[in-house]
Amino acid sequence: MGHSGNILNFPSSNNHRFDVAVSHYARGEYNTALKEAIALIDEGYGHANTLAGAIYERGGDGVKQDYEKAKFYYQMAVDEVGAVEGW
């Protein structure tokens, strides 16, 4: 795991809340981005799993770096929407 930059290539979506969460992530506001990502996941928006994984992978802004949680969310992204950004 790991990436050198702060931004993964999240595609533009038709979900405004997801786009806002990605914007928070891009600004390093991981705590706010994670809260929104989790809310979206709970509502069935599977693409938010990749964002949650990326946040846990990096850690910061009150979010503890946790590779096990990152792996969990990346796997959920693969299983639910076929996302491969985390791998």
Protein backbone atom coordinates (compact mmCIF):
# COMPACT_ATOMS: atom_id res chain seq x y z
CA MET A 1 0.00 0.00 0.00
CA GLY A 2 0.99 3.57 -0.28
CA HIS A 3 1.04 6.46 -2.62
CA SER A 4 3.28 9.47 -2.71
CA GLY A 5 0.62 12.13 -3.24
CA ASN A 6 -2.37 13.20 -1.28
CA ILE A 7 -4.85 12.59 -4.06
CA LEU A 8 -5.98 9.34 -5.57
CA ASN A 9 -7.62 9.61 -8.95
CA PHE A 10 -11.19 9.64 -7.77
CA PRO A 11 -13.48 9.96 -10.76
CA SER A 12 -16.00 12.75 -10.85
CA SER A 13 -19.26 11.31 -9.62
CA ASN A 14 -22.91 12.10 -9.84
CA ASN A 15 -22.99 12.14 -6.03
CA HIS A 16 -22.44 15.67 -4.75
CA ARG A 17 -21.79 14.52 -1.18
CA PHE A 18 -19.05 12.16 -2.37
CA ASP A 19 -17.45 14.94 -4.39
CA VAL A 20 -17.51 17.18 -1.30
CA ALA A 21 -15.95 14.40 0.80
CA VAL A 22 -13.18 14.02 -1.81
CA SER A 23 -12.62 17.79 -1.65
CA HIS A 24 -12.20 17.55 2.12
CA TYR A 25 -9.72 14.71 1.59
CA ALA A 26 -7.80 16.79 -0.96
CA ARG A 27 -7.43 19.57 1.62
CA GLY A 28 -6.18 17.15 4.28
CA GLU A 29 -9.42 17.35 6.24
CA TYR A 30 -9.46 13.60 6.79
CA ASN A 31 -11.72 13.58 9.83
CA THR A 32 -14.51 15.41 8.00
CA ALA A 33 -13.98 13.37 4.83
CA LEU A 34 -14.10 10.10 6.77
CA LYS A 35 -17.35 11.00 8.54
CA GLU A 36 -19.00 11.72 5.21
CA ALA A 37 -17.52 8.62 3.57
CA ILE A 38 -18.84 6.40 6.37
CA ALA A 39 -22.28 8.02 6.11
CA LEU A 40 -22.30 7.36 2.36
CA ILE A 41 -21.18 3.75 2.88
CA ASP A 42 -23.98 3.27 5.41
CA GLU A 43 -26.41 4.54 2.76
CA GLY A 44 -25.12 2.01 0.25
CA TYR A 45 -22.75 4.19 -1.81
CA GLY A 46 -19.99 1.63 -2.35
CA HIS A 47 -17.53 3.98 -4.06
CA ALA A 48 -16.99 5.73 -0.72
CA ASN A 49 -15.15 2.61 0.52
CA THR A 50 -12.11 3.59 -1.54
CA LEU A 51 -12.08 7.03 0.03
CA ALA A 52 -12.35 5.57 3.54
CA GLY A 53 -9.48 3.21 2.73
CA ALA A 54 -7.31 6.05 1.49
CA ILE A 55 -8.01 8.09 4.63
CA TYR A 56 -7.07 5.24 6.94
CA GLU A 57 -3.99 4.52 4.85
CA ARG A 58 -2.67 8.06 5.26
CA GLY A 59 -3.97 8.98 8.70
CA GLY A 60 -3.92 12.49 10.05
CA ASP A 61 -6.31 15.25 11.09
CA GLY A 62 -7.53 13.21 14.04
CA VAL A 63 -7.75 9.92 12.12
CA LYS A 64 -5.30 7.29 13.30
CA GLN A 65 -3.38 5.58 10.49
CA ASP A 66 -4.67 2.03 10.37
CA TYR A 67 -3.58 -0.30 7.57
CA GLU A 68 -6.00 -3.04 8.62
CA LYS A 69 -8.97 -0.68 8.30
CA ALA A 70 -7.57 0.63 5.02
CA LYS A 71 -7.33 -2.91 3.70
CA PHE A 72 -10.89 -3.65 4.87
CA TYR A 73 -12.35 -0.64 3.05
CA TYR A 74 -10.29 -1.24 -0.08
CA GLN A 75 -11.52 -4.84 -0.16
CA MET A 76 -15.10 -3.63 0.27
CA ALA A 77 -14.57 -1.27 -2.68
CA VAL A 78 -13.34 -4.14 -4.82
CA ASP A 79 -16.19 -6.42 -3.74
CA GLU A 80 -18.98 -3.86 -4.08
CA VAL A 81 -18.05 -1.76 -7.09
CA GLY A 82 -15.00 -3.39 -8.65
CA ALA A 83 -12.76 -0.50 -7.64
CA VAL A 84 -9.05 -1.19 -7.81
CA GLU A 85 -7.62 2.20 -6.76
CA GLY A 86 -6.44 0.82 -3.44
CA TRP A 87 -4.45 -2.08 -4.85
